[in-house]
Amino acid sequence: MTLSLPPNIHLQPSSSSSSSSSSSSSSSLLTKLRTRPLPPRKVRSLVHDLTASLTKATTIDATPTETIAVIVVLRSGLAMFDGFMDNIPTDISTAVYHMGIFRDEQSLQPVEYYNKLPVKPEHITQAVVLDPLIATGGTAAAVVGILQEWGVEKVTFLSILSTPVGLQHAASVWPEGSRFVVAAVDPEVDAKGYIQPGVGDIGDRLYGTAFD
């Protein structure tokens, strides 16, 4: 699939010298994640490892006096947290915040239900967002808009799987101040807003809350 995406979107390289081994590993991990059913513990392990691979392939820079805001999007972003934190440079200072936004099943629009961001400290000028899926892009767009209003100068959004339409939507909110780093892109979303072929409802799979 040939993709034409905005310049603030970066796909994890599928091949090339030093990154080929990591990319091959990510592709294998994603293939395993697509397998259903898997026990939630295995799903969490795969998301952790995919996040670790994505983080290693992403440049995260900060000055000695700067603190990076790590924004964990509830609830699925929780599974990415350790994989991210364990693989950023040890000299980077971080502050962790949680943001709750869900997609309304009828309208497919984002609904914010938890946001405890304080008045932005001066030493925080950039944020890294953790959310494993970008489907329609509504949630990602909302998060970027909130962080722009919060006053950061730069947002890096890490995601395991997305769609072209979702990335186009989210990346258009603040193109000069945001970048999206994604491991893989699937072609489309269905009428319910799920990525196709996708990995299903990742939140339910991560925490065992899907019941037939």
N, C-alpha and C. Protein backbone atom coordinates (compact mmCIF):
# COMPACT_ATOMS: atom_id res chain seq x y z
N MET A 1 0.84 -1.20 0.00
CA MET A 1 0.00 0.00 0.00
C MET A 1 0.88 1.25 0.00
N THR A 2 0.71 2.12 -0.99
CA THR A 2 1.46 3.36 -1.06
C THR A 2 0.68 4.44 -0.34
N LEU A 3 1.33 5.07 0.64
CA LEU A 3 0.66 6.06 1.45
C LEU A 3 1.16 7.46 1.11
N SER A 4 0.25 8.41 1.08
CA SER A 4 0.61 9.81 0.95
C SER A 4 0.11 10.51 2.21
N LEU A 5 1.05 10.77 3.11
CA LEU A 5 0.69 11.30 4.42
C LEU A 5 1.37 12.64 4.67
N PRO A 6 0.79 13.46 5.55
CA PRO A 6 1.39 14.76 5.87
C PRO A 6 2.81 14.60 6.41
N PRO A 7 3.63 15.64 6.29
CA PRO A 7 5.03 15.54 6.72
C PRO A 7 5.24 15.37 8.21
N ASN A 8 4.22 15.65 9.02
CA ASN A 8 4.39 15.46 10.47
C ASN A 8 4.00 14.05 10.92
N ILE A 9 3.89 13.13 9.97
CA ILE A 9 3.62 11.72 10.29
C ILE A 9 4.85 10.91 9.90
N HIS A 10 5.28 10.06 10.82
CA HIS A 10 6.48 9.25 10.59
C HIS A 10 6.15 7.79 10.85
N LEU A 11 6.29 6.96 9.83
CA LEU A 11 6.09 5.53 9.98
C LEU A 11 7.39 4.88 10.39
N GLN A 12 7.30 3.95 11.33
CA GLN A 12 8.49 3.21 11.71
C GLN A 12 9.03 2.51 10.46
N PRO A 13 10.32 2.67 10.16
CA PRO A 13 10.85 2.11 8.90
C PRO A 13 10.58 0.62 8.78
N SER A 14 10.15 0.21 7.58
CA SER A 14 9.88 -1.20 7.34
C SER A 14 11.14 -1.95 6.95
N SER A 15 12.15 -1.22 6.54
CA SER A 15 13.43 -1.82 6.22
C SER A 15 14.49 -0.74 6.24
N SER A 16 15.76 -1.17 6.21
CA SER A 16 16.94 -0.33 6.12
C SER A 16 17.89 -0.64 7.25
N SER A 17 19.08 -0.81 6.92
CA SER A 17 20.25 -1.05 7.75
C SER A 17 19.98 -1.28 9.21
N SER A 18 20.28 -0.26 10.05
CA SER A 18 20.28 -0.45 11.49
C SER A 18 18.90 -0.68 12.06
N SER A 19 17.85 -0.24 11.36
CA SER A 19 16.50 -0.37 11.92
C SER A 19 15.79 -1.62 11.43
N SER A 20 16.37 -2.38 10.52
CA SER A 20 15.67 -3.50 9.92
C SER A 20 15.31 -4.58 10.92
N SER A 21 16.22 -4.87 11.86
CA SER A 21 15.96 -5.91 12.85
C SER A 21 14.80 -5.51 13.75
N SER A 22 14.82 -4.25 14.21
CA SER A 22 13.74 -3.75 15.07
C SER A 22 12.41 -3.75 14.34
N SER A 23 12.43 -3.33 13.06
CA SER A 23 11.20 -3.28 12.28
C SER A 23 10.65 -4.68 12.04
N SER A 24 11.53 -5.63 11.77
CA SER A 24 11.10 -7.00 11.57
C SER A 24 10.46 -7.54 12.84
N SER A 25 11.05 -7.19 13.98
CA SER A 25 10.50 -7.62 15.26
C SER A 25 9.12 -7.01 15.48
N SER A 26 8.96 -5.72 15.15
CA SER A 26 7.67 -5.05 15.32
C SER A 26 6.61 -5.69 14.44
N SER A 27 6.97 -6.01 13.20
CA SER A 27 6.02 -6.64 12.29
C SER A 27 5.56 -7.99 12.84
N SER A 28 6.50 -8.75 13.39
CA SER A 28 6.16 -10.05 13.97
C SER A 28 5.26 -9.89 15.19
N LEU A 29 5.58 -8.90 16.02
CA LEU A 29 4.77 -8.67 17.22
C LEU A 29 3.35 -8.25 16.85
N LEU A 30 3.22 -7.39 15.82
CA LEU A 30 1.90 -6.94 15.40
C LEU A 30 1.10 -8.10 14.83
N THR A 31 1.75 -8.97 14.08
CA THR A 31 1.07 -10.16 13.56
C THR A 31 0.51 -11.00 14.70
N LYS A 32 1.29 -11.15 15.74
CA LYS A 32 0.82 -11.90 16.91
C LYS A 32 -0.34 -11.19 17.59
N LEU A 33 -0.27 -9.85 17.67
CA LEU A 33 -1.33 -9.09 18.32
C LEU A 33 -2.65 -9.20 17.55
N ARG A 34 -2.58 -9.38 16.26
CA ARG A 34 -3.80 -9.53 15.46
C ARG A 34 -4.50 -10.87 15.74
N THR A 35 -3.79 -11.83 16.31
CA THR A 35 -4.36 -13.15 16.56
C THR A 35 -5.37 -13.08 17.71
N ARG A 36 -6.56 -13.54 17.43
CA ARG A 36 -7.60 -13.55 18.46
C ARG A 36 -8.22 -14.93 18.53
N PRO A 37 -8.51 -15.45 19.72
CA PRO A 37 -8.29 -14.76 21.00
C PRO A 37 -6.90 -14.99 21.57
N LEU A 38 -6.44 -14.02 22.36
CA LEU A 38 -5.25 -14.16 23.18
C LEU A 38 -5.63 -13.75 24.60
N PRO A 39 -5.02 -14.33 25.61
CA PRO A 39 -5.31 -13.89 26.97
C PRO A 39 -4.84 -12.46 27.18
N PRO A 40 -5.53 -11.68 28.01
CA PRO A 40 -5.14 -10.29 28.24
C PRO A 40 -3.67 -10.11 28.63
N ARG A 41 -3.13 -11.03 29.40
CA ARG A 41 -1.73 -10.91 29.80
C ARG A 41 -0.81 -10.91 28.58
N LYS A 42 -1.11 -11.74 27.59
CA LYS A 42 -0.31 -11.79 26.37
C LYS A 42 -0.50 -10.53 25.53
N VAL A 43 -1.73 -10.03 25.48
CA VAL A 43 -1.99 -8.79 24.74
C VAL A 43 -1.19 -7.64 25.36
N ARG A 44 -1.19 -7.56 26.68
CA ARG A 44 -0.43 -6.50 27.36
C ARG A 44 1.06 -6.63 27.08
N SER A 45 1.56 -7.87 27.07
CA SER A 45 2.97 -8.10 26.80
C SER A 45 3.35 -7.66 25.39
N LEU A 46 2.49 -7.96 24.42
CA LEU A 46 2.76 -7.57 23.04
C LEU A 46 2.73 -6.05 22.86
N VAL A 47 1.77 -5.39 23.49
CA VAL A 47 1.70 -3.93 23.41
C VAL A 47 2.93 -3.31 24.07
N HIS A 48 3.35 -3.87 25.18
CA HIS A 48 4.57 -3.40 25.84
C HIS A 48 5.76 -3.49 24.89
N ASP A 49 5.94 -4.63 24.27
CA ASP A 49 7.11 -4.85 23.41
C ASP A 49 7.04 -4.01 22.14
N LEU A 50 5.84 -3.84 21.59
CA LEU A 50 5.69 -2.97 20.42
C LEU A 50 6.02 -1.53 20.77
N THR A 51 5.61 -1.09 21.95
CA THR A 51 5.91 0.27 22.40
C THR A 51 7.40 0.45 22.59
N ALA A 52 8.04 -0.56 23.17
CA ALA A 52 9.49 -0.49 23.36
C ALA A 52 10.21 -0.32 22.03
N SER A 53 9.81 -1.10 21.02
CA SER A 53 10.42 -1.01 19.70
C SER A 53 10.18 0.36 19.08
N LEU A 54 8.95 0.87 19.22
CA LEU A 54 8.61 2.18 18.66
C LEU A 54 9.40 3.29 19.34
N THR A 55 9.55 3.19 20.66
CA THR A 55 10.28 4.21 21.41
C THR A 55 11.75 4.24 21.02
N LYS A 56 12.34 3.07 20.86
CA LYS A 56 13.76 2.99 20.46
C LYS A 56 13.99 3.61 19.09
N ALA A 57 12.98 3.60 18.24
CA ALA A 57 13.11 4.15 16.89
C ALA A 57 12.74 5.63 16.83
N THR A 58 12.40 6.21 17.97
CA THR A 58 11.94 7.60 18.02
C THR A 58 12.95 8.45 18.78
N THR A 59 13.31 9.58 18.21
CA THR A 59 14.22 10.51 18.88
C THR A 59 13.44 11.35 19.88
N ILE A 60 13.79 11.19 21.15
CA ILE A 60 13.19 11.99 22.23
C ILE A 60 14.29 12.84 22.82
N ASP A 61 14.24 14.15 22.58
CA ASP A 61 15.27 15.08 23.05
C ASP A 61 14.69 16.03 24.08
N ALA A 62 15.52 16.37 25.06
CA ALA A 62 15.14 17.38 26.05
C ALA A 62 16.40 18.02 26.60
N THR A 63 16.32 19.30 26.91
CA THR A 63 17.45 19.98 27.52
C THR A 63 17.57 19.56 28.98
N PRO A 64 18.72 19.81 29.62
CA PRO A 64 18.90 19.42 31.03
C PRO A 64 17.90 20.05 31.99
N THR A 65 17.36 21.20 31.63
CA THR A 65 16.43 21.90 32.52
C THR A 65 14.97 21.64 32.17
N GLU A 66 14.75 20.82 31.17
CA GLU A 66 13.40 20.59 30.67
C GLU A 66 12.80 19.29 31.20
N THR A 67 11.51 19.29 31.43
CA THR A 67 10.77 18.09 31.79
C THR A 67 9.75 17.79 30.70
N ILE A 68 9.70 16.55 30.26
CA ILE A 68 8.74 16.14 29.24
C ILE A 68 7.47 15.65 29.90
N ALA A 69 6.34 16.15 29.45
CA ALA A 69 5.05 15.66 29.94
C ALA A 69 4.69 14.39 29.18
N VAL A 70 4.54 13.30 29.90
CA VAL A 70 4.10 12.03 29.31
C VAL A 70 2.60 11.92 29.53
N ILE A 71 1.85 11.92 28.45
CA ILE A 71 0.39 11.92 28.51
C ILE A 71 -0.11 10.51 28.19
N VAL A 72 -0.66 9.85 29.18
CA VAL A 72 -1.18 8.49 29.02
C VAL A 72 -2.68 8.59 28.77
N VAL A 73 -3.12 8.20 27.58
CA VAL A 73 -4.55 8.26 27.24
C VAL A 73 -5.22 7.00 27.78
N LEU A 74 -6.16 7.22 28.70
CA LEU A 74 -6.87 6.10 29.32
C LEU A 74 -7.88 5.49 28.35
N ARG A 75 -8.07 4.16 28.44
CA ARG A 75 -7.34 3.30 29.34
C ARG A 75 -6.21 2.54 28.65
N SER A 76 -6.28 2.49 27.33
CA SER A 76 -5.36 1.64 26.58
C SER A 76 -3.91 2.12 26.65
N GLY A 77 -3.72 3.42 26.79
CA GLY A 77 -2.37 3.95 26.86
C GLY A 77 -1.59 3.46 28.06
N LEU A 78 -2.29 2.99 29.09
CA LEU A 78 -1.61 2.47 30.27
C LEU A 78 -0.68 1.31 29.90
N ALA A 79 -1.09 0.50 28.93
CA ALA A 79 -0.30 -0.67 28.55
C ALA A 79 0.98 -0.28 27.83
N MET A 80 1.08 0.96 27.36
CA MET A 80 2.28 1.43 26.67
C MET A 80 3.28 2.07 27.62
N PHE A 81 2.86 2.37 28.82
CA PHE A 81 3.66 3.22 29.71
C PHE A 81 5.04 2.64 30.02
N ASP A 82 5.09 1.41 30.51
CA ASP A 82 6.38 0.83 30.89
C ASP A 82 7.29 0.65 29.68
N GLY A 83 6.71 0.23 28.55
CA GLY A 83 7.51 0.05 27.35
C GLY A 83 8.15 1.34 26.88
N PHE A 84 7.45 2.46 27.11
CA PHE A 84 8.00 3.77 26.77
C PHE A 84 9.04 4.22 27.79
N MET A 85 8.68 4.22 29.06
CA MET A 85 9.54 4.76 30.09
C MET A 85 10.85 3.98 30.21
N ASP A 86 10.80 2.69 29.96
CA ASP A 86 12.01 1.87 30.08
C ASP A 86 12.98 2.05 28.93
N ASN A 87 12.57 2.80 27.90
CA ASN A 87 13.40 2.89 26.69
C ASN A 87 13.70 4.31 26.24
N ILE A 88 13.41 5.30 27.08
CA ILE A 88 13.85 6.66 26.78
C ILE A 88 15.18 6.89 27.50
N PRO A 89 15.97 7.86 27.05
CA PRO A 89 17.25 8.13 27.71
C PRO A 89 17.07 8.37 29.21
N THR A 90 17.97 7.82 30.00
CA THR A 90 17.83 7.87 31.46
C THR A 90 17.99 9.28 32.02
N ASP A 91 18.59 10.18 31.25
CA ASP A 91 18.79 11.53 31.76
C ASP A 91 17.62 12.47 31.47
N ILE A 92 16.57 11.96 30.85
CA ILE A 92 15.41 12.80 30.55
C ILE A 92 14.46 12.81 31.75
N SER A 93 14.09 14.01 32.16
CA SER A 93 13.14 14.18 33.26
C SER A 93 11.71 14.14 32.70
N THR A 94 10.82 13.45 33.41
CA THR A 94 9.44 13.32 32.94
C THR A 94 8.44 13.64 34.05
N ALA A 95 7.28 14.08 33.64
CA ALA A 95 6.12 14.22 34.52
C ALA A 95 4.97 13.51 33.83
N VAL A 96 4.26 12.66 34.55
CA VAL A 96 3.24 11.80 33.95
C VAL A 96 1.84 12.31 34.27
N TYR A 97 1.04 12.45 33.23
CA TYR A 97 -0.36 12.87 33.39
C TYR A 97 -1.25 11.88 32.65
N HIS A 98 -2.49 11.78 33.11
CA HIS A 98 -3.45 10.88 32.48
C HIS A 98 -4.62 11.69 31.92
N MET A 99 -5.08 11.25 30.76
CA MET A 99 -6.20 11.94 30.10
C MET A 99 -7.22 10.89 29.67
N GLY A 100 -8.46 11.09 30.07
CA GLY A 100 -9.52 10.15 29.73
C GLY A 100 -10.42 10.70 28.63
N ILE A 101 -10.40 10.04 27.48
CA ILE A 101 -11.27 10.40 26.36
C ILE A 101 -11.78 9.12 25.73
N PHE A 102 -13.09 8.99 25.55
CA PHE A 102 -13.61 7.81 24.88
C PHE A 102 -14.41 8.23 23.64
N ARG A 103 -14.61 7.28 22.76
CA ARG A 103 -15.35 7.54 21.53
C ARG A 103 -16.80 7.11 21.71
N ASP A 104 -17.71 8.05 21.54
CA ASP A 104 -19.13 7.72 21.65
C ASP A 104 -19.50 6.72 20.57
N GLU A 105 -20.17 5.64 20.95
CA GLU A 105 -20.47 4.56 20.01
C GLU A 105 -21.43 4.97 18.91
N GLN A 106 -22.28 5.94 19.19
CA GLN A 106 -23.26 6.37 18.20
C GLN A 106 -22.70 7.44 17.26
N SER A 107 -22.15 8.49 17.84
CA SER A 107 -21.68 9.62 17.03
C SER A 107 -20.24 9.44 16.55
N LEU A 108 -19.49 8.52 17.20
CA LEU A 108 -18.06 8.30 16.95
C LEU A 108 -17.23 9.54 17.26
N GLN A 109 -17.81 10.47 18.05
CA GLN A 109 -17.10 11.68 18.45
C GLN A 109 -16.42 11.47 19.81
N PRO A 110 -15.27 12.14 20.04
CA PRO A 110 -14.58 11.98 21.32
C PRO A 110 -15.32 12.67 22.46
N VAL A 111 -15.32 12.02 23.61
CA VAL A 111 -15.94 12.56 24.81
C VAL A 111 -14.88 12.59 25.91
N GLU A 112 -14.57 13.76 26.40
CA GLU A 112 -13.56 13.90 27.45
C GLU A 112 -14.21 13.67 28.82
N TYR A 113 -13.65 12.77 29.62
CA TYR A 113 -14.22 12.50 30.94
C TYR A 113 -13.20 12.65 32.06
N TYR A 114 -11.91 12.79 31.74
CA TYR A 114 -10.91 12.97 32.80
C TYR A 114 -9.76 13.80 32.26
N ASN A 115 -9.50 14.91 32.93
CA ASN A 115 -8.39 15.79 32.55
C ASN A 115 -8.01 16.61 33.78
N LYS A 116 -6.88 16.25 34.38
CA LYS A 116 -6.40 16.94 35.57
C LYS A 116 -5.10 17.68 35.29
N LEU A 117 -4.92 18.12 34.05
CA LEU A 117 -3.70 18.88 33.75
C LEU A 117 -3.67 20.14 34.60
N PRO A 118 -2.57 20.40 35.29
CA PRO A 118 -2.46 21.63 36.09
C PRO A 118 -2.12 22.81 35.19
N VAL A 119 -1.98 23.98 35.79
CA VAL A 119 -1.40 25.09 35.04
C VAL A 119 -0.02 24.64 34.59
N LYS A 120 0.28 24.81 33.32
CA LYS A 120 1.51 24.24 32.78
C LYS A 120 2.75 24.85 33.42
N PRO A 121 3.62 24.00 34.00
CA PRO A 121 4.89 24.52 34.52
C PRO A 121 5.78 25.05 33.40
N GLU A 122 6.58 26.04 33.69
CA GLU A 122 7.42 26.66 32.67
C GLU A 122 8.45 25.68 32.10
N HIS A 123 8.89 24.72 32.90
CA HIS A 123 9.93 23.81 32.43
C HIS A 123 9.39 22.68 31.56
N ILE A 124 8.08 22.64 31.34
CA ILE A 124 7.49 21.68 30.41
C ILE A 124 7.15 22.40 29.11
N THR A 125 7.87 22.05 28.06
CA THR A 125 7.62 22.68 26.75
C THR A 125 7.19 21.68 25.70
N GLN A 126 7.27 20.38 26.02
CA GLN A 126 6.84 19.38 25.05
C GLN A 126 6.17 18.21 25.76
N ALA A 127 5.36 17.48 24.99
CA ALA A 127 4.62 16.34 25.54
C ALA A 127 4.76 15.16 24.60
N VAL A 128 4.75 13.97 25.20
CA VAL A 128 4.69 12.72 24.44
C VAL A 128 3.40 12.01 24.83
N VAL A 129 2.60 11.66 23.84
CA VAL A 129 1.30 11.03 24.08
C VAL A 129 1.40 9.54 23.77
N LEU A 130 0.81 8.73 24.65
CA LEU A 130 0.78 7.28 24.46
C LEU A 130 -0.65 6.81 24.26
N ASP A 131 -0.95 6.30 23.08
CA ASP A 131 -2.26 5.75 22.77
C ASP A 131 -2.07 4.73 21.65
N PRO A 132 -2.41 3.46 21.86
CA PRO A 132 -2.00 2.43 20.90
C PRO A 132 -2.67 2.49 19.54
N LEU A 133 -3.90 3.01 19.45
CA LEU A 133 -4.61 3.00 18.17
C LEU A 133 -5.09 4.40 17.80
N ILE A 134 -4.98 4.73 16.52
CA ILE A 134 -5.61 5.93 15.97
C ILE A 134 -6.50 5.44 14.84
N ALA A 135 -7.80 5.39 15.10
CA ALA A 135 -8.75 4.84 14.12
C ALA A 135 -9.35 5.97 13.28
N THR A 136 -10.40 6.61 13.79
CA THR A 136 -10.97 7.75 13.08
C THR A 136 -10.14 9.01 13.28
N GLY A 137 -9.32 9.02 14.32
CA GLY A 137 -8.48 10.18 14.61
C GLY A 137 -9.13 11.17 15.55
N GLY A 138 -10.38 10.93 15.94
CA GLY A 138 -11.08 11.90 16.78
C GLY A 138 -10.44 12.08 18.15
N THR A 139 -10.10 10.99 18.80
CA THR A 139 -9.48 11.08 20.12
C THR A 139 -8.11 11.73 20.03
N ALA A 140 -7.31 11.29 19.07
CA ALA A 140 -5.97 11.88 18.90
C ALA A 140 -6.05 13.37 18.61
N ALA A 141 -6.98 13.76 17.77
CA ALA A 141 -7.15 15.18 17.46
C ALA A 141 -7.53 15.97 18.70
N ALA A 142 -8.42 15.41 19.52
CA ALA A 142 -8.83 16.09 20.73
C ALA A 142 -7.67 16.27 21.69
N VAL A 143 -6.85 15.22 21.85
CA VAL A 143 -5.69 15.29 22.75
C VAL A 143 -4.71 16.35 22.28
N VAL A 144 -4.40 16.37 20.99
CA VAL A 144 -3.47 17.36 20.47
C VAL A 144 -4.01 18.77 20.69
N GLY A 145 -5.30 18.96 20.45
CA GLY A 145 -5.91 20.28 20.66
C GLY A 145 -5.83 20.72 22.12
N ILE A 146 -6.06 19.80 23.04
CA ILE A 146 -5.97 20.12 24.46
C ILE A 146 -4.55 20.52 24.85
N LEU A 147 -3.57 19.78 24.34
CA LEU A 147 -2.18 20.07 24.68
C LEU A 147 -1.69 21.37 24.04
N GLN A 148 -2.18 21.66 22.86
CA GLN A 148 -1.85 22.95 22.24
C GLN A 148 -2.37 24.10 23.11
N GLU A 149 -3.61 23.97 23.57
CA GLU A 149 -4.20 25.00 24.44
C GLU A 149 -3.48 25.06 25.79
N TRP A 150 -2.97 23.93 26.24
CA TRP A 150 -2.24 23.88 27.51
C TRP A 150 -0.97 24.72 27.44
N GLY A 151 -0.40 24.84 26.24
CA GLY A 151 0.73 25.72 26.06
C GLY A 151 2.06 25.09 25.74
N VAL A 152 2.07 23.78 25.43
CA VAL A 152 3.34 23.17 25.04
C VAL A 152 3.70 23.62 23.62
N GLU A 153 4.98 23.51 23.30
CA GLU A 153 5.45 23.92 21.98
C GLU A 153 5.50 22.77 20.99
N LYS A 154 5.46 21.53 21.50
CA LYS A 154 5.63 20.37 20.65
C LYS A 154 4.94 19.17 21.25
N VAL A 155 4.27 18.38 20.41
CA VAL A 155 3.63 17.14 20.83
C VAL A 155 4.13 16.01 19.94
N THR A 156 4.60 14.93 20.57
CA THR A 156 4.94 13.71 19.85
C THR A 156 3.94 12.64 20.25
N PHE A 157 3.24 12.09 19.28
CA PHE A 157 2.16 11.13 19.53
C PHE A 157 2.63 9.75 19.07
N LEU A 158 2.76 8.82 20.02
CA LEU A 158 3.20 7.46 19.70
C LEU A 158 2.00 6.52 19.64
N SER A 159 1.91 5.77 18.55
CA SER A 159 0.80 4.85 18.36
C SER A 159 1.28 3.61 17.61
N ILE A 160 0.69 2.48 17.95
CA ILE A 160 1.09 1.22 17.35
C ILE A 160 0.46 1.01 15.98
N LEU A 161 -0.81 1.37 15.86
CA LEU A 161 -1.54 1.09 14.63
C LEU A 161 -2.51 2.22 14.33
N SER A 162 -2.60 2.60 13.06
CA SER A 162 -3.50 3.69 12.68
C SER A 162 -4.09 3.42 11.30
N THR A 163 -4.82 4.40 10.81
CA THR A 163 -5.38 4.37 9.46
C THR A 163 -5.02 5.69 8.77
N PRO A 164 -5.00 5.72 7.45
CA PRO A 164 -4.71 6.98 6.75
C PRO A 164 -5.69 8.09 7.13
N VAL A 165 -6.98 7.77 7.21
CA VAL A 165 -7.97 8.80 7.52
C VAL A 165 -7.79 9.33 8.93
N GLY A 166 -7.46 8.42 9.87
CA GLY A 166 -7.25 8.85 11.24
C GLY A 166 -6.03 9.74 11.38
N LEU A 167 -4.95 9.38 10.68
CA LEU A 167 -3.74 10.18 10.74
C LEU A 167 -3.94 11.54 10.09
N GLN A 168 -4.63 11.56 8.95
CA GLN A 168 -4.89 12.84 8.28
C GLN A 168 -5.67 13.77 9.19
N HIS A 169 -6.68 13.21 9.88
CA HIS A 169 -7.51 14.02 10.77
C HIS A 169 -6.70 14.59 11.92
N ALA A 170 -5.99 13.70 12.61
CA ALA A 170 -5.26 14.13 13.80
C ALA A 170 -4.10 15.05 13.47
N ALA A 171 -3.41 14.76 12.37
CA ALA A 171 -2.23 15.55 12.02
C ALA A 171 -2.57 16.95 11.54
N SER A 172 -3.82 17.15 11.14
CA SER A 172 -4.21 18.46 10.61
C SER A 172 -4.55 19.47 11.71
N VAL A 173 -4.68 19.01 12.95
CA VAL A 173 -5.07 19.90 14.05
C VAL A 173 -4.00 20.94 14.32
N TRP A 174 -2.75 20.49 14.36
CA TRP A 174 -1.64 21.38 14.69
C TRP A 174 -0.39 20.90 13.94
N PRO A 175 -0.39 21.03 12.63
CA PRO A 175 0.68 20.42 11.82
C PRO A 175 2.08 20.94 12.15
N GLU A 176 2.19 22.20 12.55
CA GLU A 176 3.52 22.75 12.82
C GLU A 176 4.04 22.39 14.21
N GLY A 177 3.16 21.88 15.08
CA GLY A 177 3.59 21.61 16.45
C GLY A 177 3.46 20.16 16.88
N SER A 178 3.03 19.30 15.98
CA SER A 178 2.83 17.90 16.36
C SER A 178 3.52 16.97 15.37
N ARG A 179 3.93 15.83 15.87
CA ARG A 179 4.41 14.75 14.99
C ARG A 179 3.82 13.45 15.50
N PHE A 180 3.51 12.58 14.57
CA PHE A 180 2.92 11.29 14.89
C PHE A 180 3.88 10.21 14.45
N VAL A 181 4.24 9.34 15.38
CA VAL A 181 5.13 8.23 15.10
C VAL A 181 4.34 6.95 15.27
N VAL A 182 4.15 6.20 14.19
CA VAL A 182 3.30 5.01 14.23
C VAL A 182 4.06 3.81 13.68
N ALA A 183 3.74 2.66 14.23
CA ALA A 183 4.43 1.43 13.82
C ALA A 183 3.86 0.86 12.53
N ALA A 184 2.55 1.01 12.32
CA ALA A 184 1.92 0.40 11.14
C ALA A 184 0.62 1.13 10.82
N VAL A 185 0.19 1.00 9.56
CA VAL A 185 -1.04 1.62 9.09
C VAL A 185 -1.90 0.57 8.40
N ASP A 186 -3.16 0.46 8.82
CA ASP A 186 -4.13 -0.41 8.15
C ASP A 186 -5.03 0.46 7.26
N PRO A 187 -5.68 -0.14 6.26
CA PRO A 187 -6.34 0.66 5.21
C PRO A 187 -7.51 1.53 5.65
N GLU A 188 -8.36 1.05 6.58
CA GLU A 188 -9.62 1.75 6.76
C GLU A 188 -10.24 1.48 8.12
N VAL A 189 -11.35 2.18 8.37
CA VAL A 189 -12.17 1.92 9.55
C VAL A 189 -13.54 1.46 9.08
N ASP A 190 -14.21 0.64 9.92
CA ASP A 190 -15.55 0.20 9.56
C ASP A 190 -16.58 1.19 10.07
N ALA A 191 -17.86 0.85 9.91
CA ALA A 191 -18.94 1.76 10.29
C ALA A 191 -18.97 2.04 11.78
N LYS A 192 -18.39 1.15 12.58
CA LYS A 192 -18.36 1.34 14.03
C LYS A 192 -17.08 2.04 14.49
N GLY A 193 -16.24 2.41 13.55
CA GLY A 193 -15.03 3.14 13.89
C GLY A 193 -13.86 2.27 14.28
N TYR A 194 -13.92 0.97 13.96
CA TYR A 194 -12.81 0.08 14.27
C TYR A 194 -11.87 -0.05 13.07
N ILE A 195 -10.58 -0.12 13.36
CA ILE A 195 -9.59 -0.29 12.31
C ILE A 195 -9.77 -1.65 11.64
N GLN A 196 -9.65 -1.66 10.31
CA GLN A 196 -9.74 -2.90 9.54
C GLN A 196 -8.47 -3.14 8.75
N PRO A 197 -7.83 -4.33 8.82
CA PRO A 197 -8.25 -5.48 9.62
C PRO A 197 -8.06 -5.32 11.11
N GLY A 198 -7.11 -4.48 11.51
CA GLY A 198 -7.01 -4.06 12.89
C GLY A 198 -6.65 -5.15 13.89
N VAL A 199 -6.89 -4.80 15.17
CA VAL A 199 -6.61 -5.72 16.28
C VAL A 199 -7.80 -5.82 17.22
N GLY A 200 -8.98 -5.39 16.75
CA GLY A 200 -10.17 -5.43 17.58
C GLY A 200 -10.21 -4.28 18.58
N ASP A 201 -11.05 -4.42 19.59
CA ASP A 201 -11.16 -3.41 20.66
C ASP A 201 -9.98 -3.63 21.60
N ILE A 202 -8.95 -2.82 21.46
CA ILE A 202 -7.72 -3.07 22.20
C ILE A 202 -7.92 -2.91 23.70
N GLY A 203 -8.79 -2.00 24.12
CA GLY A 203 -9.04 -1.83 25.54
C GLY A 203 -9.64 -3.08 26.16
N ASP A 204 -10.66 -3.62 25.53
CA ASP A 204 -11.27 -4.85 26.02
C ASP A 204 -10.28 -6.00 26.00
N ARG A 205 -9.47 -6.08 24.99
CA ARG A 205 -8.49 -7.17 24.89
C ARG A 205 -7.39 -7.03 25.94
N LEU A 206 -6.99 -5.81 26.22
CA LEU A 206 -5.94 -5.59 27.21
C LEU A 206 -6.39 -5.97 28.62
N TYR A 207 -7.65 -5.71 28.93
CA TYR A 207 -8.11 -5.83 30.31
C TYR A 207 -9.21 -6.88 30.51
N GLY A 208 -9.46 -7.68 29.49
CA GLY A 208 -10.37 -8.81 29.65
C GLY A 208 -11.81 -8.41 29.89
N THR A 209 -12.25 -7.31 29.30
CA THR A 209 -13.61 -6.82 29.57
C THR A 209 -14.57 -7.06 28.41
N ALA A 210 -14.16 -7.88 27.45
CA ALA A 210 -15.07 -8.27 26.36
C ALA A 210 -15.70 -9.61 26.70
N PHE A 211 -17.03 -9.63 26.73
CA PHE A 211 -17.74 -10.84 27.06
C PHE A 211 -18.76 -11.16 25.99
N ASP A 212 -18.76 -12.39 25.50
CA ASP A 212 -19.70 -12.79 24.47
C ASP A 212 -21.05 -13.14 25.10
